[in-house]
Amino acid sequence: MCKHIEEPHQICNATQLTFEELKDAAEKLGYNLVKKKEHMPIKPCPICGKKRTEIWHSTSEPRGDFRKCKNCEFKGGIVTKKSNLNQAWNDAVDRYLKEKGEKK
């Protein structure tokens, strides 16, 4: 527990806290520390060059979510967690370009 906080309404004035002290202080105040996921931009569609995509859900096997280009309907890989959609799209773009012999 942060030795600088004795009551939940107090603010810790320490210049440096360990992660555990910060976590304990946040918990004492009713908060959870959650690391932000780094934003991953999507690459342009390898066919038409646009970045306009839609998220679709596959009802047939394999089930999951995928990105599809709004312009030419190029599809990214299917994932079970929406947080992996951008990576699956970028991987599909890289695979397509590699198969076509083009550079990323």
PDB file of N, CA and C in Angstrom:
ATOM      1  N   MET A   1       0.862  -1.177   0.000  1.00  0.00           N
ATOM      2  CA  MET A   1       0.000   0.000   0.000  1.00  0.00           C
ATOM      3  C   MET A   1       0.900   1.229   0.000  1.00  0.00           C
ATOM      4  N   CYS A   2       0.463   2.238  -0.716  1.00  0.00           N
ATOM      5  CA  CYS A   2       1.243   3.480  -0.774  1.00  0.00           C
ATOM      6  C   CYS A   2       1.317   4.082   0.620  1.00  0.00           C
ATOM      7  N   LYS A   3       2.529   4.261   1.124  1.00  0.00           N
ATOM      8  CA  LYS A   3       2.685   4.773   2.477  1.00  0.00           C
ATOM      9  C   LYS A   3       2.305   6.241   2.589  1.00  0.00           C
ATOM     10  N   HIS A   4       2.065   6.903   1.467  1.00  0.00           N
ATOM     11  CA  HIS A   4       1.735   8.319   1.458  1.00  0.00           C
ATOM     12  C   HIS A   4       0.226   8.575   1.535  1.00  0.00           C
ATOM     13  N   ILE A   5      -0.586   7.548   1.364  1.00  0.00           N
ATOM     14  CA  ILE A   5      -2.037   7.708   1.389  1.00  0.00           C
ATOM     15  C   ILE A   5      -2.598   6.961   2.586  1.00  0.00           C
ATOM     16  N   GLU A   6      -3.294   7.671   3.421  1.00  0.00           N
ATOM     17  CA  GLU A   6      -3.909   7.039   4.588  1.00  0.00           C
ATOM     18  C   GLU A   6      -5.425   6.989   4.453  1.00  0.00           C
ATOM     19  N   GLU A   7      -6.018   7.927   3.726  1.00  0.00           N
ATOM     20  CA  GLU A   7      -7.459   7.966   3.514  1.00  0.00           C
ATOM     21  C   GLU A   7      -7.727   8.000   2.007  1.00  0.00           C
ATOM     22  N   PRO A   8      -8.827   7.395   1.553  1.00  0.00           N
ATOM     23  CA  PRO A   8      -9.123   7.355   0.115  1.00  0.00           C
ATOM     24  C   PRO A   8      -9.206   8.720  -0.553  1.00  0.00           C
ATOM     25  N   HIS A   9      -9.576   9.772   0.168  1.00  0.00           N
ATOM     26  CA  HIS A   9      -9.713  11.089  -0.449  1.00  0.00           C
ATOM     27  C   HIS A   9      -8.384  11.829  -0.567  1.00  0.00           C
ATOM     28  N   GLN A  10      -7.322  11.303   0.014  1.00  0.00           N
ATOM     29  CA  GLN A  10      -6.016  11.952  -0.066  1.00  0.00           C
ATOM     30  C   GLN A  10      -5.337  11.611  -1.382  1.00  0.00           C
ATOM     31  N   ILE A  11      -4.527  12.535  -1.858  1.00  0.00           N
ATOM     32  CA  ILE A  11      -3.747  12.322  -3.077  1.00  0.00           C
ATOM     33  C   ILE A  11      -2.305  12.078  -2.680  1.00  0.00           C
ATOM     34  N   CYS A  12      -1.687  11.106  -3.323  1.00  0.00           N
ATOM     35  CA  CYS A  12      -0.298  10.779  -3.024  1.00  0.00           C
ATOM     36  C   CYS A  12       0.608  11.867  -3.597  1.00  0.00           C
ATOM     37  N   ASN A  13       1.461  12.434  -2.759  1.00  0.00           N
ATOM     38  CA  ASN A  13       2.370  13.493  -3.181  1.00  0.00           C
ATOM     39  C   ASN A  13       3.790  12.990  -3.409  1.00  0.00           C
ATOM     40  N   ALA A  14       3.985  11.715  -3.415  1.00  0.00           N
ATOM     41  CA  ALA A  14       5.332  11.177  -3.608  1.00  0.00           C
ATOM     42  C   ALA A  14       5.804  11.482  -5.023  1.00  0.00           C
ATOM     43  N   THR A  15       7.091  11.724  -5.164  1.00  0.00           N
ATOM     44  CA  THR A  15       7.624  12.020  -6.486  1.00  0.00           C
ATOM     45  C   THR A  15       7.783  10.761  -7.315  1.00  0.00           C
ATOM     46  N   GLN A  16       8.006   9.635  -6.663  1.00  0.00           N
ATOM     47  CA  GLN A  16       8.129   8.375  -7.385  1.00  0.00           C
ATOM     48  C   GLN A  16       7.413   7.276  -6.611  1.00  0.00           C
ATOM     49  N   LEU A  17       6.590   6.540  -7.326  1.00  0.00           N
ATOM     50  CA  LEU A  17       5.914   5.386  -6.748  1.00  0.00           C
ATOM     51  C   LEU A  17       6.311   4.160  -7.536  1.00  0.00           C
ATOM     52  N   THR A  18       6.406   3.056  -6.860  1.00  0.00           N
ATOM     53  CA  THR A  18       6.579   1.815  -7.604  1.00  0.00           C
ATOM     54  C   THR A  18       5.246   1.492  -8.239  1.00  0.00           C
ATOM     55  N   PHE A  19       5.256   0.616  -9.214  1.00  0.00           N
ATOM     56  CA  PHE A  19       4.010   0.210  -9.863  1.00  0.00           C
ATOM     57  C   PHE A  19       3.058  -0.399  -8.848  1.00  0.00           C
ATOM     58  N   GLU A  20       3.585  -1.216  -7.959  1.00  0.00           N
ATOM     59  CA  GLU A  20       2.737  -1.855  -6.951  1.00  0.00           C
ATOM     60  C   GLU A  20       2.100  -0.826  -6.026  1.00  0.00           C
ATOM     61  N   GLU A  21       2.857   0.213  -5.629  1.00  0.00           N
ATOM     62  CA  GLU A  21       2.296   1.268  -4.785  1.00  0.00           C
ATOM     63  C   GLU A  21       1.184   2.012  -5.520  1.00  0.00           C
ATOM     64  N   LEU A  22       1.428   2.319  -6.777  1.00  0.00           N
ATOM     65  CA  LEU A  22       0.426   3.010  -7.586  1.00  0.00           C
ATOM     66  C   LEU A  22      -0.823   2.148  -7.750  1.00  0.00           C
ATOM     67  N   LYS A  23      -0.619   0.871  -8.007  1.00  0.00           N
ATOM     68  CA  LYS A  23      -1.732  -0.071  -8.166  1.00  0.00           C
ATOM     69  C   LYS A  23      -2.542  -0.161  -6.874  1.00  0.00           C
ATOM     70  N   ASP A  24      -1.859  -0.266  -5.751  1.00  0.00           N
ATOM     71  CA  ASP A  24      -2.544  -0.338  -4.456  1.00  0.00           C
ATOM     72  C   ASP A  24      -3.313   0.944  -4.171  1.00  0.00           C
ATOM     73  N   ALA A  25      -2.706   2.091  -4.454  1.00  0.00           N
ATOM     74  CA  ALA A  25      -3.375   3.369  -4.218  1.00  0.00           C
ATOM     75  C   ALA A  25      -4.615   3.501  -5.096  1.00  0.00           C
ATOM     76  N   ALA A  26      -4.508   3.101  -6.357  1.00  0.00           N
ATOM     77  CA  ALA A  26      -5.652   3.162  -7.269  1.00  0.00           C
ATOM     78  C   ALA A  26      -6.767   2.244  -6.790  1.00  0.00           C
ATOM     79  N   GLU A  27      -6.397   1.043  -6.362  1.00  0.00           N
ATOM     80  CA  GLU A  27      -7.391   0.092  -5.872  1.00  0.00           C
ATOM     81  C   GLU A  27      -8.099   0.621  -4.624  1.00  0.00           C
ATOM     82  N   LYS A  28      -7.338   1.245  -3.757  1.00  0.00           N
ATOM     83  CA  LYS A  28      -7.905   1.815  -2.533  1.00  0.00           C
ATOM     84  C   LYS A  28      -8.921   2.908  -2.858  1.00  0.00           C
ATOM     85  N   LEU A  29      -8.685   3.616  -3.962  1.00  0.00           N
ATOM     86  CA  LEU A  29      -9.594   4.682  -4.396  1.00  0.00           C
ATOM     87  C   LEU A  29     -10.723   4.157  -5.294  1.00  0.00           C
ATOM     88  N   GLY A  30     -10.735   2.850  -5.544  1.00  0.00           N
ATOM     89  CA  GLY A  30     -11.806   2.253  -6.336  1.00  0.00           C
ATOM     90  C   GLY A  30     -11.534   2.185  -7.824  1.00  0.00           C
ATOM     91  N   TYR A  31     -10.264   2.292  -8.213  1.00  0.00           N
ATOM     92  CA  TYR A  31      -9.905   2.233  -9.623  1.00  0.00           C
ATOM     93  C   TYR A  31      -9.073   0.993  -9.908  1.00  0.00           C
ATOM     94  N   ASN A  32      -9.090   0.578 -11.180  1.00  0.00           N
ATOM     95  CA  ASN A  32      -8.208  -0.485 -11.655  1.00  0.00           C
ATOM     96  C   ASN A  32      -7.267   0.125 -12.676  1.00  0.00           C
ATOM     97  N   LEU A  33      -6.013  -0.220 -12.609  1.00  0.00           N
ATOM     98  CA  LEU A  33      -5.067   0.234 -13.619  1.00  0.00           C
ATOM     99  C   LEU A  33      -5.115  -0.736 -14.789  1.00  0.00           C
ATOM    100  N   VAL A  34      -5.350  -0.202 -15.973  1.00  0.00           N
ATOM    101  CA  VAL A  34      -5.419  -1.019 -17.177  1.00  0.00           C
ATOM    102  C   VAL A  34      -4.495  -0.392 -18.208  1.00  0.00           C
ATOM    103  N   LYS A  35      -3.590  -1.175 -18.737  1.00  0.00           N
ATOM    104  CA  LYS A  35      -2.663  -0.667 -19.734  1.00  0.00           C
ATOM    105  C   LYS A  35      -3.411  -0.471 -21.049  1.00  0.00           C
ATOM    106  N   LYS A  36      -3.216   0.700 -21.640  1.00  0.00           N
ATOM    107  CA  LYS A  36      -3.843   0.984 -22.924  1.00  0.00           C
ATOM    108  C   LYS A  36      -3.175   0.152 -24.007  1.00  0.00           C
ATOM    109  N   LYS A  37      -4.012  -0.348 -24.922  1.00  0.00           N
ATOM    110  CA  LYS A  37      -3.450  -1.056 -26.062  1.00  0.00           C
ATOM    111  C   LYS A  37      -2.991  -0.025 -27.078  1.00  0.00           C
ATOM    112  N   GLU A  38      -1.865  -0.293 -27.659  1.00  0.00           N
ATOM    113  CA  GLU A  38      -1.325   0.615 -28.650  1.00  0.00           C
ATOM    114  C   GLU A  38      -2.192   0.550 -29.904  1.00  0.00           C
ATOM    115  N   HIS A  39      -2.528   1.729 -30.445  1.00  0.00           N
ATOM    116  CA  HIS A  39      -3.342   1.790 -31.656  1.00  0.00           C
ATOM    117  C   HIS A  39      -2.548   1.241 -32.837  1.00  0.00           C
ATOM    118  N   MET A  40      -3.168   0.371 -33.597  1.00  0.00           N
ATOM    119  CA  MET A  40      -2.525  -0.187 -34.782  1.00  0.00           C
ATOM    120  C   MET A  40      -3.304   0.272 -36.019  1.00  0.00           C
ATOM    121  N   PRO A  41      -2.723   1.168 -36.794  1.00  0.00           N
ATOM    122  CA  PRO A  41      -3.421   1.617 -38.003  1.00  0.00           C
ATOM    123  C   PRO A  41      -3.485   0.491 -39.032  1.00  0.00           C
ATOM    124  N   ILE A  42      -4.524   0.529 -39.861  1.00  0.00           N
ATOM    125  CA  ILE A  42      -4.628  -0.497 -40.902  1.00  0.00           C
ATOM    126  C   ILE A  42      -3.899  -0.027 -42.156  1.00  0.00           C
ATOM    127  N   LYS A  43      -3.382  -0.997 -42.884  1.00  0.00           N
ATOM    128  CA  LYS A  43      -2.712  -0.713 -44.147  1.00  0.00           C
ATOM    129  C   LYS A  43      -3.778  -0.553 -45.231  1.00  0.00           C
ATOM    130  N   PRO A  44      -3.444   0.165 -46.301  1.00  0.00           N
ATOM    131  CA  PRO A  44      -4.408   0.295 -47.391  1.00  0.00           C
ATOM    132  C   PRO A  44      -4.670  -1.059 -48.053  1.00  0.00           C
ATOM    133  N   CYS A  45      -5.856  -1.176 -48.642  1.00  0.00           N
ATOM    134  CA  CYS A  45      -6.214  -2.403 -49.360  1.00  0.00           C
ATOM    135  C   CYS A  45      -5.175  -2.647 -50.454  1.00  0.00           C
ATOM    136  N   PRO A  46      -4.700  -3.887 -50.591  1.00  0.00           N
ATOM    137  CA  PRO A  46      -3.662  -4.156 -51.592  1.00  0.00           C
ATOM    138  C   PRO A  46      -4.204  -4.154 -53.020  1.00  0.00           C
ATOM    139  N   ILE A  47      -5.516  -4.177 -53.174  1.00  0.00           N
ATOM    140  CA  ILE A  47      -6.106  -4.211 -54.510  1.00  0.00           C
ATOM    141  C   ILE A  47      -6.456  -2.815 -55.006  1.00  0.00           C
ATOM    142  N   CYS A  48      -7.192  -2.059 -54.175  1.00  0.00           N
ATOM    143  CA  CYS A  48      -7.663  -0.737 -54.627  1.00  0.00           C
ATOM    144  C   CYS A  48      -6.947   0.431 -53.962  1.00  0.00           C
ATOM    145  N   GLY A  49      -6.182   0.177 -52.891  1.00  0.00           N
ATOM    146  CA  GLY A  49      -5.430   1.231 -52.222  1.00  0.00           C
ATOM    147  C   GLY A  49      -6.216   2.049 -51.211  1.00  0.00           C
ATOM    148  N   LYS A  50      -7.497   1.724 -51.006  1.00  0.00           N
ATOM    149  CA  LYS A  50      -8.342   2.471 -50.052  1.00  0.00           C
ATOM    150  C   LYS A  50      -8.157   1.927 -48.643  1.00  0.00           C
ATOM    151  N   LYS A  51      -8.527   2.752 -47.640  1.00  0.00           N
ATOM    152  CA  LYS A  51      -8.480   2.325 -46.241  1.00  0.00           C
ATOM    153  C   LYS A  51      -9.882   2.234 -45.649  1.00  0.00           C
ATOM    154  N   ARG A  52     -10.887   2.217 -46.465  1.00  0.00           N
ATOM    155  CA  ARG A  52     -12.266   2.151 -45.980  1.00  0.00           C
ATOM    156  C   ARG A  52     -12.675   0.683 -45.864  1.00  0.00           C
ATOM    157  N   THR A  53     -12.841   0.228 -44.630  1.00  0.00           N
ATOM    158  CA  THR A  53     -13.210  -1.163 -44.399  1.00  0.00           C
ATOM    159  C   THR A  53     -14.459  -1.246 -43.534  1.00  0.00           C
ATOM    160  N   GLU A  54     -15.083  -2.400 -43.561  1.00  0.00           N
ATOM    161  CA  GLU A  54     -16.217  -2.712 -42.700  1.00  0.00           C
ATOM    162  C   GLU A  54     -15.864  -3.945 -41.893  1.00  0.00           C
ATOM    163  N   ILE A  55     -16.471  -4.076 -40.729  1.00  0.00           N
ATOM    164  CA  ILE A  55     -16.282  -5.278 -39.918  1.00  0.00           C
ATOM    165  C   ILE A  55     -17.481  -6.187 -40.146  1.00  0.00           C
ATOM    166  N   TRP A  56     -17.203  -7.424 -40.504  1.00  0.00           N
ATOM    167  CA  TRP A  56     -18.231  -8.425 -40.768  1.00  0.00           C
ATOM    168  C   TRP A  56     -18.066  -9.573 -39.793  1.00  0.00           C
ATOM    169  N   HIS A  57     -19.152 -10.312 -39.593  1.00  0.00           N
ATOM    170  CA  HIS A  57     -19.124 -11.505 -38.749  1.00  0.00           C
ATOM    171  C   HIS A  57     -19.434 -12.712 -39.614  1.00  0.00           C
ATOM    172  N   SER A  58     -18.580 -13.699 -39.565  1.00  0.00           N
ATOM    173  CA  SER A  58     -18.780 -14.931 -40.324  1.00  0.00           C
ATOM    174  C   SER A  58     -19.686 -15.878 -39.541  1.00  0.00           C
ATOM    175  N   THR A  59     -20.785 -16.310 -40.165  1.00  0.00           N
ATOM    176  CA  THR A  59     -21.686 -17.258 -39.508  1.00  0.00           C
ATOM    177  C   THR A  59     -21.382 -18.695 -39.920  1.00  0.00           C
ATOM    178  N   SER A  60     -20.555 -18.856 -40.952  1.00  0.00           N
ATOM    179  CA  SER A  60     -20.132 -20.201 -41.339  1.00  0.00           C
ATOM    180  C   SER A  60     -18.743 -20.455 -40.767  1.00  0.00           C
ATOM    181  N   GLU A  61     -18.296 -21.693 -40.862  1.00  0.00           N
ATOM    182  CA  GLU A  61     -16.977 -22.040 -40.316  1.00  0.00           C
ATOM    183  C   GLU A  61     -15.880 -21.509 -41.212  1.00  0.00           C
ATOM    184  N   PRO A  62     -14.821 -20.973 -40.726  1.00  0.00           N
ATOM    185  CA  PRO A  62     -14.580 -20.675 -39.322  1.00  0.00           C
ATOM    186  C   PRO A  62     -15.353 -19.422 -38.908  1.00  0.00           C
ATOM    187  N   ARG A  63     -15.925 -19.457 -37.724  1.00  0.00           N
ATOM    188  CA  ARG A  63     -16.698 -18.324 -37.222  1.00  0.00           C
ATOM    189  C   ARG A  63     -15.766 -17.280 -36.615  1.00  0.00           C
ATOM    190  N   GLY A  64     -16.176 -16.050 -36.733  1.00  0.00           N
ATOM    191  CA  GLY A  64     -15.400 -14.957 -36.174  1.00  0.00           C
ATOM    192  C   GLY A  64     -15.681 -13.672 -36.918  1.00  0.00           C
ATOM    193  N   ASP A  65     -14.863 -12.666 -36.660  1.00  0.00           N
ATOM    194  CA  ASP A  65     -15.015 -11.356 -37.280  1.00  0.00           C
ATOM    195  C   ASP A  65     -13.870 -11.110 -38.251  1.00  0.00           C
ATOM    196  N   PHE A  66     -14.151 -10.288 -39.280  1.00  0.00           N
ATOM    197  CA  PHE A  66     -13.110  -9.944 -40.243  1.00  0.00           C
ATOM    198  C   PHE A  66     -13.401  -8.569 -40.836  1.00  0.00           C
ATOM    199  N   ARG A  67     -12.353  -7.943 -41.353  1.00  0.00           N
ATOM    200  CA  ARG A  67     -12.492  -6.672 -42.068  1.00  0.00           C
ATOM    201  C   ARG A  67     -12.638  -6.977 -43.554  1.00  0.00           C
ATOM    202  N   LYS A  68     -13.474  -6.168 -44.211  1.00  0.00           N
ATOM    203  CA  LYS A  68     -13.652  -6.291 -45.658  1.00  0.00           C
ATOM    204  C   LYS A  68     -13.588  -4.892 -46.257  1.00  0.00           C
ATOM    205  N   CYS A  69     -12.869  -4.736 -47.348  1.00  0.00           N
ATOM    206  CA  CYS A  69     -12.754  -3.452 -48.030  1.00  0.00           C
ATOM    207  C   CYS A  69     -14.128  -3.036 -48.553  1.00  0.00           C
ATOM    208  N   LYS A  70     -14.507  -1.797 -48.298  1.00  0.00           N
ATOM    209  CA  LYS A  70     -15.805  -1.292 -48.771  1.00  0.00           C
ATOM    210  C   LYS A  70     -15.807  -1.076 -50.279  1.00  0.00           C
ATOM    211  N   ASN A  71     -14.637  -0.911 -50.859  1.00  0.00           N
ATOM    212  CA  ASN A  71     -14.549  -0.589 -52.279  1.00  0.00           C
ATOM    213  C   ASN A  71     -14.484  -1.836 -53.165  1.00  0.00           C
ATOM    214  N   CYS A  72     -13.598  -2.781 -52.818  1.00  0.00           N
ATOM    215  CA  CYS A  72     -13.386  -3.929 -53.713  1.00  0.00           C
ATOM    216  C   CYS A  72     -13.681  -5.277 -53.057  1.00  0.00           C
ATOM    217  N   GLU A  73     -14.022  -5.275 -51.770  1.00  0.00           N
ATOM    218  CA  GLU A  73     -14.396  -6.467 -51.007  1.00  0.00           C
ATOM    219  C   GLU A  73     -13.242  -7.427 -50.695  1.00  0.00           C
ATOM    220  N   PHE A  74     -12.001  -6.933 -50.748  1.00  0.00           N
ATOM    221  CA  PHE A  74     -10.874  -7.727 -50.260  1.00  0.00           C
ATOM    222  C   PHE A  74     -11.129  -8.029 -48.787  1.00  0.00           C
ATOM    223  N   LYS A  75     -10.862  -9.254 -48.358  1.00  0.00           N
ATOM    224  CA  LYS A  75     -11.144  -9.655 -46.972  1.00  0.00           C
ATOM    225  C   LYS A  75      -9.862  -9.918 -46.201  1.00  0.00           C
ATOM    226  N   GLY A  76      -9.884  -9.504 -44.934  1.00  0.00           N
ATOM    227  CA  GLY A  76      -8.802  -9.806 -44.006  1.00  0.00           C
ATOM    228  C   GLY A  76      -9.059 -11.145 -43.345  1.00  0.00           C
ATOM    229  N   GLY A  77      -8.160 -11.557 -42.483  1.00  0.00           N
ATOM    230  CA  GLY A  77      -8.301 -12.832 -41.781  1.00  0.00           C
ATOM    231  C   GLY A  77      -9.398 -12.801 -40.729  1.00  0.00           C
ATOM    232  N   ILE A  78      -9.952 -13.974 -40.443  1.00  0.00           N
ATOM    233  CA  ILE A  78     -11.003 -14.113 -39.439  1.00  0.00           C
ATOM    234  C   ILE A  78     -10.363 -14.275 -38.065  1.00  0.00           C
ATOM    235  N   VAL A  79     -10.900 -13.525 -37.084  1.00  0.00           N
ATOM    236  CA  VAL A  79     -10.393 -13.567 -35.712  1.00  0.00           C
ATOM    237  C   VAL A  79     -11.549 -13.766 -34.737  1.00  0.00           C
ATOM    238  N   THR A  80     -11.226 -14.272 -33.560  1.00  0.00           N
ATOM    239  CA  THR A  80     -12.257 -14.460 -32.540  1.00  0.00           C
ATOM    240  C   THR A  80     -12.343 -13.277 -31.588  1.00  0.00           C
ATOM    241  N   LYS A  81     -11.294 -12.452 -31.537  1.00  0.00           N
ATOM    242  CA  LYS A  81     -11.287 -11.252 -30.689  1.00  0.00           C
ATOM    243  C   LYS A  81     -11.219 -10.019 -31.582  1.00  0.00           C
ATOM    244  N   LYS A  82     -12.168  -9.101 -31.405  1.00  0.00           N
ATOM    245  CA  LYS A  82     -12.187  -7.900 -32.237  1.00  0.00           C
ATOM    246  C   LYS A  82     -10.918  -7.066 -32.088  1.00  0.00           C
ATOM    247  N   SER A  83     -10.247  -7.190 -30.965  1.00  0.00           N
ATOM    248  CA  SER A  83      -9.019  -6.419 -30.760  1.00  0.00           C
ATOM    249  C   SER A  83      -7.901  -6.869 -31.709  1.00  0.00           C
ATOM    250  N   ASN A  84      -8.078  -8.019 -32.360  1.00  0.00           N
ATOM    251  CA  ASN A  84      -7.068  -8.533 -33.291  1.00  0.00           C
ATOM    252  C   ASN A  84      -7.405  -8.234 -34.756  1.00  0.00           C
ATOM    253  N   LEU A  85      -8.501  -7.494 -35.008  1.00  0.00           N
ATOM    254  CA  LEU A  85      -8.937  -7.244 -36.386  1.00  0.00           C
ATOM    255  C   LEU A  85      -7.903  -6.503 -37.225  1.00  0.00           C
ATOM    256  N   ASN A  86      -7.328  -5.443 -36.682  1.00  0.00           N
ATOM    257  CA  ASN A  86      -6.358  -4.663 -37.462  1.00  0.00           C
ATOM    258  C   ASN A  86      -5.134  -5.496 -37.824  1.00  0.00           C
ATOM    259  N   GLN A  87      -4.646  -6.293 -36.872  1.00  0.00           N
ATOM    260  CA  GLN A  87      -3.485  -7.138 -37.153  1.00  0.00           C
ATOM    261  C   GLN A  87      -3.816  -8.171 -38.230  1.00  0.00           C
ATOM    262  N   ALA A  88      -5.006  -8.771 -38.151  1.00  0.00           N
ATOM    263  CA  ALA A  88      -5.414  -9.768 -39.147  1.00  0.00           C
ATOM    264  C   ALA A  88      -5.535  -9.138 -40.535  1.00  0.00           C
ATOM    265  N   TRP A  89      -6.064  -7.919 -40.596  1.00  0.00           N
ATOM    266  CA  TRP A  89      -6.165  -7.205 -41.879  1.00  0.00           C
ATOM    267  C   TRP A  89      -4.766  -6.946 -42.443  1.00  0.00           C
ATOM    268  N   ASN A  90      -3.881  -6.398 -41.606  1.00  0.00           N
ATOM    269  CA  ASN A  90      -2.525  -6.084 -42.060  1.00  0.00           C
ATOM    270  C   ASN A  90      -1.776  -7.344 -42.499  1.00  0.00           C
ATOM    271  N   ASP A  91      -1.968  -8.446 -41.782  1.00  0.00           N
ATOM    272  CA  ASP A  91      -1.332  -9.707 -42.171  1.00  0.00           C
ATOM    273  C   ASP A  91      -1.847 -10.187 -43.522  1.00  0.00           C
ATOM    274  N   ALA A  92      -3.160 -10.052 -43.765  1.00  0.00           N
ATOM    275  CA  ALA A  92      -3.745 -10.463 -45.044  1.00  0.00           C
ATOM    276  C   ALA A  92      -3.212  -9.600 -46.186  1.00  0.00           C
ATOM    277  N   VAL A  93      -3.056  -8.299 -45.932  1.00  0.00           N
ATOM    278  CA  VAL A  93      -2.484  -7.390 -46.937  1.00  0.00           C
ATOM    279  C   VAL A  93      -1.059  -7.822 -47.258  1.00  0.00           C
ATOM    280  N   ASP A  94      -0.253  -8.087 -46.223  1.00  0.00           N
ATOM    281  CA  ASP A  94       1.137  -8.516 -46.435  1.00  0.00           C
ATOM    282  C   ASP A  94       1.212  -9.821 -47.223  1.00  0.00           C
ATOM    283  N   ARG A  95       0.353 -10.794 -46.869  1.00  0.00           N
ATOM    284  CA  ARG A  95       0.338 -12.082 -47.590  1.00  0.00           C
ATOM    285  C   ARG A  95      -0.004 -11.881 -49.068  1.00  0.00           C
ATOM    286  N   TYR A  96      -1.015 -11.072 -49.323  1.00  0.00           N
ATOM    287  CA  TYR A  96      -1.439 -10.815 -50.704  1.00  0.00           C
ATOM    288  C   TYR A  96      -0.306 -10.186 -51.504  1.00  0.00           C
ATOM    289  N   LEU A  97       0.325  -9.156 -50.920  1.00  0.00           N
ATOM    290  CA  LEU A  97       1.411  -8.479 -51.627  1.00  0.00           C
ATOM    291  C   LEU A  97       2.610  -9.409 -51.843  1.00  0.00           C
ATOM    292  N   LYS A  98       2.879 -10.272 -50.859  1.00  0.00           N
ATOM    293  CA  LYS A  98       3.993 -11.213 -50.998  1.00  0.00           C
ATOM    294  C   LYS A  98       3.701 -12.221 -52.115  1.00  0.00           C
ATOM    295  N   GLU A  99       2.460 -12.709 -52.167  1.00  0.00           N
ATOM    296  CA  GLU A  99       2.065 -13.652 -53.222  1.00  0.00           C
ATOM    297  C   GLU A  99       2.130 -13.007 -54.596  1.00  0.00           C
ATOM    298  N   LYS A 100       1.848 -11.730 -54.671  1.00  0.00           N
ATOM    299  CA  LYS A 100       1.894 -11.011 -55.949  1.00  0.00           C
ATOM    300  C   LYS A 100       3.288 -10.524 -56.295  1.00  0.00           C
ATOM    301  N   GLY A 101       4.238 -10.719 -55.361  1.00  0.00           N
ATOM    302  CA  GLY A 101       5.620 -10.341 -55.609  1.00  0.00           C
ATOM    303  C   GLY A 101       5.902  -8.870 -55.453  1.00  0.00           C
ATOM    304  N   GLU A 102       5.028  -8.169 -54.715  1.00  0.00           N
ATOM    305  CA  GLU A 102       5.223  -6.739 -54.502  1.00  0.00           C
ATOM    306  C   GLU A 102       5.783  -6.502 -53.111  1.00  0.00           C
ATOM    307  N   LYS A 103       6.386  -5.356 -52.914  1.00  0.00           N
ATOM    308  CA  LYS A 103       6.884  -4.991 -51.596  1.00  0.00           C
ATOM    309  C   LYS A 103       5.770  -4.316 -50.814  1.00  0.00           C
ATOM    310  N   LYS A 104       5.887  -4.401 -49.453  1.00  0.00           N
ATOM    311  CA  LYS A 104       4.906  -3.761 -48.567  1.00  0.00           C
ATOM    312  C   LYS A 104       4.938  -2.267 -48.725  1.00  0.00           C
TER     313      LYS A 104
END
